[in-house]
Amino acid sequence: MLWNSALVAIGGFFGAIARFGVSNWIKQKYPSSFPIATLLVNLVGSFLLGYMIGKGWNDSWNLLFGTGFMGAFTTFSTFKLENVTLYLNKQWKLLILYLLASYMLGILLAFLGMKAAGM
């Protein structure tokens, strides 16, 4: 149990750093009121997690990369907060676009990741 917790913690540490770096780079490169950084991070994460699952990695790799790294790299809480912010700012078109793109593309990319892995 301690080893499993360590795998999740190590993966989470690197996933959080990766998200922080990628998100900041995207925000600096493409400033926008649309939350493009979170969208791209979550879409990449959907594909990679689908790929990982499609490869059928063992439990240790799933804990390190799936639960740990991908769990910290992708961000459901920031996604929700950005949706609430768009709602409160009455940015209806951006809100609908963000919701549709996040859910529809996320599911599609997870599926494509599994297919790319040979599943």
PDB file of N, CA and C in Angstrom:
ATOM      1  N   MET A   1       0.823  -1.202   0.000  1.00  0.00           N
ATOM      2  CA  MET A   1       0.000   0.000   0.000  1.00  0.00           C
ATOM      3  C   MET A   1       0.866   1.264   0.000  1.00  0.00           C
ATOM      4  N   LEU A   2       1.942   1.260   0.771  1.00  0.00           N
ATOM      5  CA  LEU A   2       2.830   2.413   0.832  1.00  0.00           C
ATOM      6  C   LEU A   2       3.488   2.650  -0.527  1.00  0.00           C
ATOM      7  N   TRP A   3       3.899   1.567  -1.188  1.00  0.00           N
ATOM      8  CA  TRP A   3       4.517   1.682  -2.516  1.00  0.00           C
ATOM      9  C   TRP A   3       3.527   2.266  -3.520  1.00  0.00           C
ATOM     10  N   ASN A   4       2.286   1.826  -3.480  1.00  0.00           N
ATOM     11  CA  ASN A   4       1.259   2.359  -4.386  1.00  0.00           C
ATOM     12  C   ASN A   4       1.046   3.852  -4.153  1.00  0.00           C
ATOM     13  N   SER A   5       1.017   4.260  -2.894  1.00  0.00           N
ATOM     14  CA  SER A   5       0.861   5.678  -2.574  1.00  0.00           C
ATOM     15  C   SER A   5       2.057   6.486  -3.077  1.00  0.00           C
ATOM     16  N   ALA A   6       3.239   5.916  -2.972  1.00  0.00           N
ATOM     17  CA  ALA A   6       4.439   6.595  -3.454  1.00  0.00           C
ATOM     18  C   ALA A   6       4.389   6.764  -4.972  1.00  0.00           C
ATOM     19  N   LEU A   7       3.922   5.739  -5.688  1.00  0.00           N
ATOM     20  CA  LEU A   7       3.810   5.838  -7.144  1.00  0.00           C
ATOM     21  C   LEU A   7       2.854   6.962  -7.545  1.00  0.00           C
ATOM     22  N   VAL A   8       1.709   7.036  -6.882  1.00  0.00           N
ATOM     23  CA  VAL A   8       0.734   8.096  -7.176  1.00  0.00           C
ATOM     24  C   VAL A   8       1.333   9.465  -6.848  1.00  0.00           C
ATOM     25  N   ALA A   9       2.013   9.574  -5.718  1.00  0.00           N
ATOM     26  CA  ALA A   9       2.605  10.851  -5.310  1.00  0.00           C
ATOM     27  C   ALA A   9       3.690  11.307  -6.286  1.00  0.00           C
ATOM     28  N   ILE A  10       4.542  10.404  -6.706  1.00  0.00           N
ATOM     29  CA  ILE A  10       5.615  10.755  -7.649  1.00  0.00           C
ATOM     30  C   ILE A  10       5.011  11.187  -8.988  1.00  0.00           C
ATOM     31  N   GLY A  11       4.066  10.405  -9.482  1.00  0.00           N
ATOM     32  CA  GLY A  11       3.410  10.769 -10.739  1.00  0.00           C
ATOM     33  C   GLY A  11       2.683  12.099 -10.619  1.00  0.00           C
ATOM     34  N   GLY A  12       2.002  12.304  -9.502  1.00  0.00           N
ATOM     35  CA  GLY A  12       1.267  13.543  -9.278  1.00  0.00           C
ATOM     36  C   GLY A  12       2.186  14.748  -9.220  1.00  0.00           C
ATOM     37  N   PHE A  13       3.348  14.587  -8.601  1.00  0.00           N
ATOM     38  CA  PHE A  13       4.323  15.673  -8.525  1.00  0.00           C
ATOM     39  C   PHE A  13       4.721  16.127  -9.933  1.00  0.00           C
ATOM     40  N   PHE A  14       5.097  15.180 -10.777  1.00  0.00           N
ATOM     41  CA  PHE A  14       5.532  15.532 -12.125  1.00  0.00           C
ATOM     42  C   PHE A  14       4.373  15.985 -13.012  1.00  0.00           C
ATOM     43  N   GLY A  15       3.190  15.427 -12.804  1.00  0.00           N
ATOM     44  CA  GLY A  15       2.024  15.857 -13.571  1.00  0.00           C
ATOM     45  C   GLY A  15       1.629  17.286 -13.257  1.00  0.00           C
ATOM     46  N   ALA A  16       1.685  17.652 -11.981  1.00  0.00           N
ATOM     47  CA  ALA A  16       1.337  19.030 -11.584  1.00  0.00           C
ATOM     48  C   ALA A  16       2.347  20.025 -12.139  1.00  0.00           C
ATOM     49  N   ILE A  17       3.620  19.670 -12.099  1.00  0.00           N
ATOM     50  CA  ILE A  17       4.643  20.558 -12.648  1.00  0.00           C
ATOM     51  C   ILE A  17       4.461  20.702 -14.157  1.00  0.00           C
ATOM     52  N   ALA A  18       4.172  19.594 -14.830  1.00  0.00           N
ATOM     53  CA  ALA A  18       3.959  19.638 -16.281  1.00  0.00           C
ATOM     54  C   ALA A  18       2.764  20.514 -16.625  1.00  0.00           C
ATOM     55  N   ARG A  19       1.667  20.366 -15.898  1.00  0.00           N
ATOM     56  CA  ARG A  19       0.490  21.197 -16.157  1.00  0.00           C
ATOM     57  C   ARG A  19       0.800  22.666 -15.925  1.00  0.00           C
ATOM     58  N   PHE A  20       1.473  22.967 -14.841  1.00  0.00           N
ATOM     59  CA  PHE A  20       1.831  24.346 -14.531  1.00  0.00           C
ATOM     60  C   PHE A  20       2.666  24.950 -15.665  1.00  0.00           C
ATOM     61  N   GLY A  21       3.665  24.217 -16.113  1.00  0.00           N
ATOM     62  CA  GLY A  21       4.530  24.706 -17.176  1.00  0.00           C
ATOM     63  C   GLY A  21       3.814  24.861 -18.500  1.00  0.00           C
ATOM     64  N   VAL A  22       3.079  23.844 -18.899  1.00  0.00           N
ATOM     65  CA  VAL A  22       2.366  23.886 -20.178  1.00  0.00           C
ATOM     66  C   VAL A  22       1.294  24.973 -20.155  1.00  0.00           C
ATOM     67  N   SER A  23       0.524  25.046 -19.082  1.00  0.00           N
ATOM     68  CA  SER A  23      -0.542  26.057 -18.981  1.00  0.00           C
ATOM     69  C   SER A  23       0.019  27.466 -19.049  1.00  0.00           C
ATOM     70  N   ASN A  24       1.084  27.720 -18.318  1.00  0.00           N
ATOM     71  CA  ASN A  24       1.678  29.061 -18.339  1.00  0.00           C
ATOM     72  C   ASN A  24       2.242  29.398 -19.709  1.00  0.00           C
ATOM     73  N   TRP A  25       2.866  28.434 -20.358  1.00  0.00           N
ATOM     74  CA  TRP A  25       3.416  28.668 -21.695  1.00  0.00           C
ATOM     75  C   TRP A  25       2.300  29.013 -22.677  1.00  0.00           C
ATOM     76  N   ILE A  26       1.202  28.252 -22.634  1.00  0.00           N
ATOM     77  CA  ILE A  26       0.077  28.508 -23.547  1.00  0.00           C
ATOM     78  C   ILE A  26      -0.539  29.877 -23.258  1.00  0.00           C
ATOM     79  N   LYS A  27      -0.728  30.213 -21.991  1.00  0.00           N
ATOM     80  CA  LYS A  27      -1.328  31.502 -21.630  1.00  0.00           C
ATOM     81  C   LYS A  27      -0.464  32.672 -22.085  1.00  0.00           C
ATOM     82  N   GLN A  28       0.844  32.528 -21.997  1.00  0.00           N
ATOM     83  CA  GLN A  28       1.740  33.591 -22.452  1.00  0.00           C
ATOM     84  C   GLN A  28       1.761  33.689 -23.976  1.00  0.00           C
ATOM     85  N   LYS A  29       1.753  32.556 -24.630  1.00  0.00           N
ATOM     86  CA  LYS A  29       1.842  32.517 -26.093  1.00  0.00           C
ATOM     87  C   LYS A  29       0.526  32.938 -26.749  1.00  0.00           C
ATOM     88  N   TYR A  30      -0.609  32.551 -26.156  1.00  0.00           N
ATOM     89  CA  TYR A  30      -1.932  32.806 -26.730  1.00  0.00           C
ATOM     90  C   TYR A  30      -2.878  33.405 -25.692  1.00  0.00           C
ATOM     91  N   PRO A  31      -2.655  34.650 -25.284  1.00  0.00           N
ATOM     92  CA  PRO A  31      -3.552  35.253 -24.286  1.00  0.00           C
ATOM     93  C   PRO A  31      -4.975  35.369 -24.843  1.00  0.00           C
ATOM     94  N   SER A  32      -5.949  34.994 -24.019  1.00  0.00           N
ATOM     95  CA  SER A  32      -7.340  34.982 -24.469  1.00  0.00           C
ATOM     96  C   SER A  32      -8.263  34.918 -23.270  1.00  0.00           C
ATOM     97  N   SER A  33      -9.503  35.379 -23.466  1.00  0.00           N
ATOM     98  CA  SER A  33     -10.498  35.213 -22.409  1.00  0.00           C
ATOM     99  C   SER A  33     -11.068  33.791 -22.431  1.00  0.00           C
ATOM    100  N   PHE A  34     -10.812  33.076 -23.525  1.00  0.00           N
ATOM    101  CA  PHE A  34     -11.206  31.670 -23.616  1.00  0.00           C
ATOM    102  C   PHE A  34     -10.139  30.831 -22.912  1.00  0.00           C
ATOM    103  N   PRO A  35     -10.551  29.883 -22.057  1.00  0.00           N
ATOM    104  CA  PRO A  35      -9.583  29.089 -21.285  1.00  0.00           C
ATOM    105  C   PRO A  35      -8.886  28.015 -22.131  1.00  0.00           C
ATOM    106  N   ILE A  36      -8.129  28.458 -23.124  1.00  0.00           N
ATOM    107  CA  ILE A  36      -7.486  27.535 -24.062  1.00  0.00           C
ATOM    108  C   ILE A  36      -6.461  26.627 -23.385  1.00  0.00           C
ATOM    109  N   ALA A  37      -5.746  27.142 -22.387  1.00  0.00           N
ATOM    110  CA  ALA A  37      -4.708  26.337 -21.734  1.00  0.00           C
ATOM    111  C   ALA A  37      -5.302  25.107 -21.052  1.00  0.00           C
ATOM    112  N   THR A  38      -6.348  25.306 -20.280  1.00  0.00           N
ATOM    113  CA  THR A  38      -6.982  24.181 -19.594  1.00  0.00           C
ATOM    114  C   THR A  38      -7.593  23.216 -20.604  1.00  0.00           C
ATOM    115  N   LEU A  39      -8.227  23.754 -21.636  1.00  0.00           N
ATOM    116  CA  LEU A  39      -8.819  22.897 -22.664  1.00  0.00           C
ATOM    117  C   LEU A  39      -7.751  22.012 -23.302  1.00  0.00           C
ATOM    118  N   LEU A  40      -6.637  22.597 -23.722  1.00  0.00           N
ATOM    119  CA  LEU A  40      -5.602  21.812 -24.385  1.00  0.00           C
ATOM    120  C   LEU A  40      -4.968  20.778 -23.457  1.00  0.00           C
ATOM    121  N   VAL A  41      -4.702  21.169 -22.218  1.00  0.00           N
ATOM    122  CA  VAL A  41      -4.137  20.221 -21.252  1.00  0.00           C
ATOM    123  C   VAL A  41      -5.092  19.044 -21.042  1.00  0.00           C
ATOM    124  N   ASN A  42      -6.371  19.341 -20.870  1.00  0.00           N
ATOM    125  CA  ASN A  42      -7.341  18.271 -20.631  1.00  0.00           C
ATOM    126  C   ASN A  42      -7.536  17.387 -21.859  1.00  0.00           C
ATOM    127  N   LEU A  43      -7.476  17.970 -23.050  1.00  0.00           N
ATOM    128  CA  LEU A  43      -7.629  17.166 -24.271  1.00  0.00           C
ATOM    129  C   LEU A  43      -6.413  16.269 -24.490  1.00  0.00           C
ATOM    130  N   VAL A  44      -5.230  16.803 -24.291  1.00  0.00           N
ATOM    131  CA  VAL A  44      -4.022  15.975 -24.396  1.00  0.00           C
ATOM    132  C   VAL A  44      -4.077  14.859 -23.356  1.00  0.00           C
ATOM    133  N   GLY A  45      -4.495  15.206 -22.148  1.00  0.00           N
ATOM    134  CA  GLY A  45      -4.616  14.203 -21.090  1.00  0.00           C
ATOM    135  C   GLY A  45      -5.629  13.122 -21.427  1.00  0.00           C
ATOM    136  N   SER A  46      -6.730  13.487 -22.063  1.00  0.00           N
ATOM    137  CA  SER A  46      -7.739  12.501 -22.461  1.00  0.00           C
ATOM    138  C   SER A  46      -7.155  11.503 -23.445  1.00  0.00           C
ATOM    139  N   PHE A  47      -6.439  12.030 -24.437  1.00  0.00           N
ATOM    140  CA  PHE A  47      -5.819  11.147 -25.428  1.00  0.00           C
ATOM    141  C   PHE A  47      -4.786  10.223 -24.772  1.00  0.00           C
ATOM    142  N   LEU A  48      -3.907  10.799 -23.959  1.00  0.00           N
ATOM    143  CA  LEU A  48      -2.844  10.003 -23.345  1.00  0.00           C
ATOM    144  C   LEU A  48      -3.385   8.950 -22.384  1.00  0.00           C
ATOM    145  N   LEU A  49      -4.410   9.292 -21.636  1.00  0.00           N
ATOM    146  CA  LEU A  49      -4.994   8.306 -20.727  1.00  0.00           C
ATOM    147  C   LEU A  49      -5.683   7.204 -21.515  1.00  0.00           C
ATOM    148  N   GLY A  50      -6.376   7.574 -22.603  1.00  0.00           N
ATOM    149  CA  GLY A  50      -6.970   6.558 -23.462  1.00  0.00           C
ATOM    150  C   GLY A  50      -5.915   5.645 -24.048  1.00  0.00           C
ATOM    151  N   TYR A  51      -4.801   6.219 -24.482  1.00  0.00           N
ATOM    152  CA  TYR A  51      -3.699   5.434 -25.041  1.00  0.00           C
ATOM    153  C   TYR A  51      -3.145   4.470 -23.996  1.00  0.00           C
ATOM    154  N   MET A  52      -2.927   4.983 -22.802  1.00  0.00           N
ATOM    155  CA  MET A  52      -2.390   4.173 -21.716  1.00  0.00           C
ATOM    156  C   MET A  52      -3.305   2.995 -21.382  1.00  0.00           C
ATOM    157  N   ILE A  53      -4.586   3.280 -21.294  1.00  0.00           N
ATOM    158  CA  ILE A  53      -5.559   2.222 -20.995  1.00  0.00           C
ATOM    159  C   ILE A  53      -5.588   1.208 -22.142  1.00  0.00           C
ATOM    160  N   GLY A  54      -5.525   1.721 -23.366  1.00  0.00           N
ATOM    161  CA  GLY A  54      -5.519   0.843 -24.535  1.00  0.00           C
ATOM    162  C   GLY A  54      -4.321  -0.075 -24.580  1.00  0.00           C
ATOM    163  N   LYS A  55      -3.198   0.351 -24.032  1.00  0.00           N
ATOM    164  CA  LYS A  55      -1.986  -0.473 -23.996  1.00  0.00           C
ATOM    165  C   LYS A  55      -2.057  -1.558 -22.922  1.00  0.00           C
ATOM    166  N   GLY A  56      -2.963  -1.391 -21.982  1.00  0.00           N
ATOM    167  CA  GLY A  56      -3.120  -2.411 -20.936  1.00  0.00           C
ATOM    168  C   GLY A  56      -1.932  -2.504 -19.989  1.00  0.00           C
ATOM    169  N   TRP A  57      -1.418  -1.356 -19.575  1.00  0.00           N
ATOM    170  CA  TRP A  57      -0.274  -1.346 -18.666  1.00  0.00           C
ATOM    171  C   TRP A  57      -0.628  -2.013 -17.341  1.00  0.00           C
ATOM    172  N   ASN A  58       0.396  -2.479 -16.634  1.00  0.00           N
ATOM    173  CA  ASN A  58       0.145  -3.132 -15.343  1.00  0.00           C
ATOM    174  C   ASN A  58      -0.242  -2.103 -14.277  1.00  0.00           C
ATOM    175  N   ASP A  59      -0.617  -2.593 -13.113  1.00  0.00           N
ATOM    176  CA  ASP A  59      -1.136  -1.729 -12.045  1.00  0.00           C
ATOM    177  C   ASP A  59      -0.152  -0.653 -11.601  1.00  0.00           C
ATOM    178  N   SER A  60       1.120  -0.984 -11.517  1.00  0.00           N
ATOM    179  CA  SER A  60       2.102   0.012 -11.070  1.00  0.00           C
ATOM    180  C   SER A  60       2.204   1.172 -12.046  1.00  0.00           C
ATOM    181  N   TRP A  61       2.255   0.873 -13.334  1.00  0.00           N
ATOM    182  CA  TRP A  61       2.324   1.934 -14.349  1.00  0.00           C
ATOM    183  C   TRP A  61       1.032   2.742 -14.365  1.00  0.00           C
ATOM    184  N   ASN A  62      -0.104   2.070 -14.172  1.00  0.00           N
ATOM    185  CA  ASN A  62      -1.382   2.784 -14.105  1.00  0.00           C
ATOM    186  C   ASN A  62      -1.412   3.756 -12.926  1.00  0.00           C
ATOM    187  N   LEU A  63      -0.876   3.331 -11.788  1.00  0.00           N
ATOM    188  CA  LEU A  63      -0.850   4.215 -10.617  1.00  0.00           C
ATOM    189  C   LEU A  63       0.090   5.397 -10.844  1.00  0.00           C
ATOM    190  N   LEU A  64       1.274   5.131 -11.402  1.00  0.00           N
ATOM    191  CA  LEU A  64       2.258   6.185 -11.617  1.00  0.00           C
ATOM    192  C   LEU A  64       1.792   7.184 -12.671  1.00  0.00           C
ATOM    193  N   PHE A  65       1.403   6.682 -13.832  1.00  0.00           N
ATOM    194  CA  PHE A  65       1.066   7.572 -14.942  1.00  0.00           C
ATOM    195  C   PHE A  65      -0.424   7.912 -15.029  1.00  0.00           C
ATOM    196  N   GLY A  66      -1.284   6.948 -14.780  1.00  0.00           N
ATOM    197  CA  GLY A  66      -2.720   7.202 -14.897  1.00  0.00           C
ATOM    198  C   GLY A  66      -3.255   8.008 -13.732  1.00  0.00           C
ATOM    199  N   THR A  67      -3.193   7.429 -12.553  1.00  0.00           N
ATOM    200  CA  THR A  67      -3.724   8.099 -11.368  1.00  0.00           C
ATOM    201  C   THR A  67      -2.855   9.283 -10.968  1.00  0.00           C
ATOM    202  N   GLY A  68      -1.540   9.093 -10.938  1.00  0.00           N
ATOM    203  CA  GLY A  68      -0.637  10.138 -10.482  1.00  0.00           C
ATOM    204  C   GLY A  68      -0.428  11.242 -11.498  1.00  0.00           C
ATOM    205  N   PHE A  69       0.335  10.938 -12.557  1.00  0.00           N
ATOM    206  CA  PHE A  69       0.694  11.972 -13.524  1.00  0.00           C
ATOM    207  C   PHE A  69      -0.529  12.565 -14.208  1.00  0.00           C
ATOM    208  N   MET A  70      -1.364  11.727 -14.826  1.00  0.00           N
ATOM    209  CA  MET A  70      -2.506  12.240 -15.582  1.00  0.00           C
ATOM    210  C   MET A  70      -3.545  12.868 -14.665  1.00  0.00           C
ATOM    211  N   GLY A  71      -3.675  12.333 -13.447  1.00  0.00           N
ATOM    212  CA  GLY A  71      -4.606  12.926 -12.489  1.00  0.00           C
ATOM    213  C   GLY A  71      -4.216  14.346 -12.109  1.00  0.00           C
ATOM    214  N   ALA A  72      -2.920  14.603 -12.021  1.00  0.00           N
ATOM    215  CA  ALA A  72      -2.459  15.949 -11.680  1.00  0.00           C
ATOM    216  C   ALA A  72      -2.291  16.827 -12.916  1.00  0.00           C
ATOM    217  N   PHE A  73      -1.970  16.222 -14.050  1.00  0.00           N
ATOM    218  CA  PHE A  73      -1.781  16.988 -15.284  1.00  0.00           C
ATOM    219  C   PHE A  73      -3.107  17.563 -15.774  1.00  0.00           C
ATOM    220  N   THR A  74      -4.133  16.745 -15.798  1.00  0.00           N
ATOM    221  CA  THR A  74      -5.454  17.230 -16.194  1.00  0.00           C
ATOM    222  C   THR A  74      -6.104  17.877 -14.980  1.00  0.00           C
ATOM    223  N   THR A  75      -7.110  18.698 -15.232  1.00  0.00           N
ATOM    224  CA  THR A  75      -7.682  19.439 -14.110  1.00  0.00           C
ATOM    225  C   THR A  75      -9.182  19.622 -14.262  1.00  0.00           C
ATOM    226  N   PHE A  76      -9.908  18.890 -13.485  1.00  0.00           N
ATOM    227  CA  PHE A  76     -11.365  18.994 -13.497  1.00  0.00           C
ATOM    228  C   PHE A  76     -11.833  20.205 -12.697  1.00  0.00           C
ATOM    229  N   SER A  77     -11.143  20.508 -11.603  1.00  0.00           N
ATOM    230  CA  SER A  77     -11.579  21.624 -10.759  1.00  0.00           C
ATOM    231  C   SER A  77     -11.372  22.967 -11.453  1.00  0.00           C
ATOM    232  N   THR A  78     -10.241  23.150 -12.136  1.00  0.00           N
ATOM    233  CA  THR A  78     -10.019  24.403 -12.862  1.00  0.00           C
ATOM    234  C   THR A  78     -11.026  24.528 -13.996  1.00  0.00           C
ATOM    235  N   PHE A  79     -11.300  23.415 -14.664  1.00  0.00           N
ATOM    236  CA  PHE A  79     -12.298  23.394 -15.734  1.00  0.00           C
ATOM    237  C   PHE A  79     -13.652  23.877 -15.209  1.00  0.00           C
ATOM    238  N   LYS A  80     -14.063  23.378 -14.074  1.00  0.00           N
ATOM    239  CA  LYS A  80     -15.355  23.778 -13.495  1.00  0.00           C
ATOM    240  C   LYS A  80     -15.342  25.253 -13.091  1.00  0.00           C
ATOM    241  N   LEU A  81     -14.267  25.701 -12.462  1.00  0.00           N
ATOM    242  CA  LEU A  81     -14.169  27.099 -12.048  1.00  0.00           C
ATOM    243  C   LEU A  81     -14.221  28.027 -13.261  1.00  0.00           C
ATOM    244  N   GLU A  82     -13.543  27.658 -14.334  1.00  0.00           N
ATOM    245  CA  GLU A  82     -13.571  28.488 -15.542  1.00  0.00           C
ATOM    246  C   GLU A  82     -14.967  28.539 -16.155  1.00  0.00           C
ATOM    247  N   ASN A  83     -15.701  27.440 -16.074  1.00  0.00           N
ATOM    248  CA  ASN A  83     -17.084  27.445 -16.554  1.00  0.00           C
ATOM    249  C   ASN A  83     -17.951  28.378 -15.724  1.00  0.00           C
ATOM    250  N   VAL A  84     -17.797  28.330 -14.422  1.00  0.00           N
ATOM    251  CA  VAL A  84     -18.561  29.217 -13.537  1.00  0.00           C
ATOM    252  C   VAL A  84     -18.201  30.676 -13.818  1.00  0.00           C
ATOM    253  N   THR A  85     -16.918  30.952 -14.025  1.00  0.00           N
ATOM    254  CA  THR A  85     -16.479  32.315 -14.328  1.00  0.00           C
ATOM    255  C   THR A  85     -17.084  32.810 -15.641  1.00  0.00           C
ATOM    256  N   LEU A  86     -17.068  31.970 -16.666  1.00  0.00           N
ATOM    257  CA  LEU A  86     -17.698  32.351 -17.936  1.00  0.00           C
ATOM    258  C   LEU A  86     -19.189  32.616 -17.735  1.00  0.00           C
ATOM    259  N   TYR A  87     -19.839  31.786 -16.935  1.00  0.00           N
ATOM    260  CA  TYR A  87     -21.256  31.959 -16.638  1.00  0.00           C
ATOM    261  C   TYR A  87     -21.508  33.289 -15.916  1.00  0.00           C
ATOM    262  N   LEU A  88     -20.729  33.555 -14.870  1.00  0.00           N
ATOM    263  CA  LEU A  88     -20.914  34.786 -14.093  1.00  0.00           C
ATOM    264  C   LEU A  88     -20.636  36.044 -14.914  1.00  0.00           C
ATOM    265  N   ASN A  89     -19.720  35.916 -15.870  1.00  0.00           N
ATOM    266  CA  ASN A  89     -19.406  37.044 -16.754  1.00  0.00           C
ATOM    267  C   ASN A  89     -20.322  37.101 -17.979  1.00  0.00           C
ATOM    268  N   LYS A  90     -21.314  36.240 -17.974  1.00  0.00           N
ATOM    269  CA  LYS A  90     -22.311  36.186 -19.050  1.00  0.00           C
ATOM    270  C   LYS A  90     -21.686  36.039 -20.442  1.00  0.00           C
ATOM    271  N   GLN A  91     -20.639  35.245 -20.505  1.00  0.00           N
ATOM    272  CA  GLN A  91     -19.986  34.944 -21.777  1.00  0.00           C
ATOM    273  C   GLN A  91     -20.556  33.621 -22.300  1.00  0.00           C
ATOM    274  N   TRP A  92     -21.807  33.699 -22.721  1.00  0.00           N
ATOM    275  CA  TRP A  92     -22.578  32.505 -23.047  1.00  0.00           C
ATOM    276  C   TRP A  92     -21.967  31.698 -24.194  1.00  0.00           C
ATOM    277  N   LYS A  93     -21.547  32.379 -25.246  1.00  0.00           N
ATOM    278  CA  LYS A  93     -20.991  31.655 -26.397  1.00  0.00           C
ATOM    279  C   LYS A  93     -19.704  30.934 -26.025  1.00  0.00           C
ATOM    280  N   LEU A  94     -18.844  31.600 -25.277  1.00  0.00           N
ATOM    281  CA  LEU A  94     -17.604  30.955 -24.843  1.00  0.00           C
ATOM    282  C   LEU A  94     -17.895  29.792 -23.902  1.00  0.00           C
ATOM    283  N   LEU A  95     -18.863  29.971 -23.024  1.00  0.00           N
ATOM    284  CA  LEU A  95     -19.240  28.909 -22.090  1.00  0.00           C
ATOM    285  C   LEU A  95     -19.715  27.673 -22.840  1.00  0.00           C
ATOM    286  N   ILE A  96     -20.614  27.851 -23.784  1.00  0.00           N
ATOM    287  CA  ILE A  96     -21.137  26.709 -24.549  1.00  0.00           C
ATOM    288  C   ILE A  96     -20.035  26.063 -25.378  1.00  0.00           C
ATOM    289  N   LEU A  97     -19.210  26.891 -26.026  1.00  0.00           N
ATOM    290  CA  LEU A  97     -18.100  26.360 -26.813  1.00  0.00           C
ATOM    291  C   LEU A  97     -17.140  25.566 -25.936  1.00  0.00           C
ATOM    292  N   TYR A  98     -16.822  26.082 -24.771  1.00  0.00           N
ATOM    293  CA  TYR A  98     -15.898  25.418 -23.848  1.00  0.00           C
ATOM    294  C   TYR A  98     -16.466  24.085 -23.365  1.00  0.00           C
ATOM    295  N   LEU A  99     -17.726  24.086 -22.985  1.00  0.00           N
ATOM    296  CA  LEU A  99     -18.349  22.845 -22.529  1.00  0.00           C
ATOM    297  C   LEU A  99     -18.389  21.796 -23.638  1.00  0.00           C
ATOM    298  N   LEU A 100     -18.849  22.195 -24.804  1.00  0.00           N
ATOM    299  CA  LEU A 100     -18.949  21.246 -25.916  1.00  0.00           C
ATOM    300  C   LEU A 100     -17.573  20.721 -26.337  1.00  0.00           C
ATOM    301  N   ALA A 101     -16.622  21.633 -26.476  1.00  0.00           N
ATOM    302  CA  ALA A 101     -15.286  21.215 -26.899  1.00  0.00           C
ATOM    303  C   ALA A 101     -14.650  20.294 -25.862  1.00  0.00           C
ATOM    304  N   SER A 102     -14.790  20.634 -24.595  1.00  0.00           N
ATOM    305  CA  SER A 102     -14.174  19.831 -23.534  1.00  0.00           C
ATOM    306  C   SER A 102     -14.753  18.426 -23.483  1.00  0.00           C
ATOM    307  N   TYR A 103     -16.065  18.331 -23.459  1.00  0.00           N
ATOM    308  CA  TYR A 103     -16.677  17.014 -23.317  1.00  0.00           C
ATOM    309  C   TYR A 103     -16.627  16.202 -24.605  1.00  0.00           C
ATOM    310  N   MET A 104     -17.022  16.794 -25.693  1.00  0.00           N
ATOM    311  CA  MET A 104     -17.079  16.031 -26.946  1.00  0.00           C
ATOM    312  C   MET A 104     -15.681  15.659 -27.441  1.00  0.00           C
ATOM    313  N   LEU A 105     -14.773  16.629 -27.475  1.00  0.00           N
ATOM    314  CA  LEU A 105     -13.421  16.325 -27.935  1.00  0.00           C
ATOM    315  C   LEU A 105     -12.675  15.442 -26.944  1.00  0.00           C
ATOM    316  N   GLY A 106     -12.930  15.641 -25.657  1.00  0.00           N
ATOM    317  CA  GLY A 106     -12.285  14.810 -24.640  1.00  0.00           C
ATOM    318  C   GLY A 106     -12.645  13.342 -24.793  1.00  0.00           C
ATOM    319  N   ILE A 107     -13.920  13.075 -24.980  1.00  0.00           N
ATOM    320  CA  ILE A 107     -14.361  11.685 -25.169  1.00  0.00           C
ATOM    321  C   ILE A 107     -13.808  11.128 -26.474  1.00  0.00           C
ATOM    322  N   LEU A 108     -13.860  11.923 -27.534  1.00  0.00           N
ATOM    323  CA  LEU A 108     -13.329  11.482 -28.825  1.00  0.00           C
ATOM    324  C   LEU A 108     -11.830  11.181 -28.731  1.00  0.00           C
ATOM    325  N   LEU A 109     -11.075  12.056 -28.092  1.00  0.00           N
ATOM    326  CA  LEU A 109      -9.636  11.841 -27.989  1.00  0.00           C
ATOM    327  C   LEU A 109      -9.282  10.656 -27.097  1.00  0.00           C
ATOM    328  N   ALA A 110     -10.050  10.414 -26.052  1.00  0.00           N
ATOM    329  CA  ALA A 110      -9.822   9.223 -25.231  1.00  0.00           C
ATOM    330  C   ALA A 110     -10.045   7.965 -26.076  1.00  0.00           C
ATOM    331  N   PHE A 111     -11.099   7.973 -26.864  1.00  0.00           N
ATOM    332  CA  PHE A 111     -11.389   6.852 -27.765  1.00  0.00           C
ATOM    333  C   PHE A 111     -10.259   6.677 -28.781  1.00  0.00           C
ATOM    334  N   LEU A 112      -9.830   7.789 -29.397  1.00  0.00           N
ATOM    335  CA  LEU A 112      -8.754   7.710 -30.388  1.00  0.00           C
ATOM    336  C   LEU A 112      -7.442   7.248 -29.762  1.00  0.00           C
ATOM    337  N   GLY A 113      -7.194   7.654 -28.530  1.00  0.00           N
ATOM    338  CA  GLY A 113      -6.007   7.181 -27.824  1.00  0.00           C
ATOM    339  C   GLY A 113      -6.040   5.679 -27.628  1.00  0.00           C
ATOM    340  N   MET A 114      -7.195   5.153 -27.273  1.00  0.00           N
ATOM    341  CA  MET A 114      -7.337   3.698 -27.109  1.00  0.00           C
ATOM    342  C   MET A 114      -7.135   2.987 -28.439  1.00  0.00           C
ATOM    343  N   LYS A 115      -7.690   3.552 -29.498  1.00  0.00           N
ATOM    344  CA  LYS A 115      -7.532   2.959 -30.835  1.00  0.00           C
ATOM    345  C   LYS A 115      -6.073   3.012 -31.284  1.00  0.00           C
ATOM    346  N   ALA A 116      -5.404   4.137 -31.008  1.00  0.00           N
ATOM    347  CA  ALA A 116      -3.991   4.278 -31.389  1.00  0.00           C
ATOM    348  C   ALA A 116      -3.118   3.267 -30.665  1.00  0.00           C
ATOM    349  N   ALA A 117      -3.545   2.855 -29.491  1.00  0.00           N
ATOM    350  CA  ALA A 117      -2.799   1.876 -28.708  1.00  0.00           C
ATOM    351  C   ALA A 117      -3.068   0.442 -29.170  1.00  0.00           C
ATOM    352  N   GLY A 118      -3.997   0.305 -30.085  1.00  0.00           N
ATOM    353  CA  GLY A 118      -4.280  -1.027 -30.611  1.00  0.00           C
ATOM    354  C   GLY A 118      -5.448  -1.725 -29.951  1.00  0.00           C
ATOM    355  N   MET A 119      -6.229  -1.011 -29.206  1.00  0.00           N
ATOM    356  CA  MET A 119      -7.387  -1.627 -28.537  1.00  0.00           C
ATOM    357  C   MET A 119      -8.574  -1.676 -29.450  1.00  0.00           C
TER     358      MET A 119
END
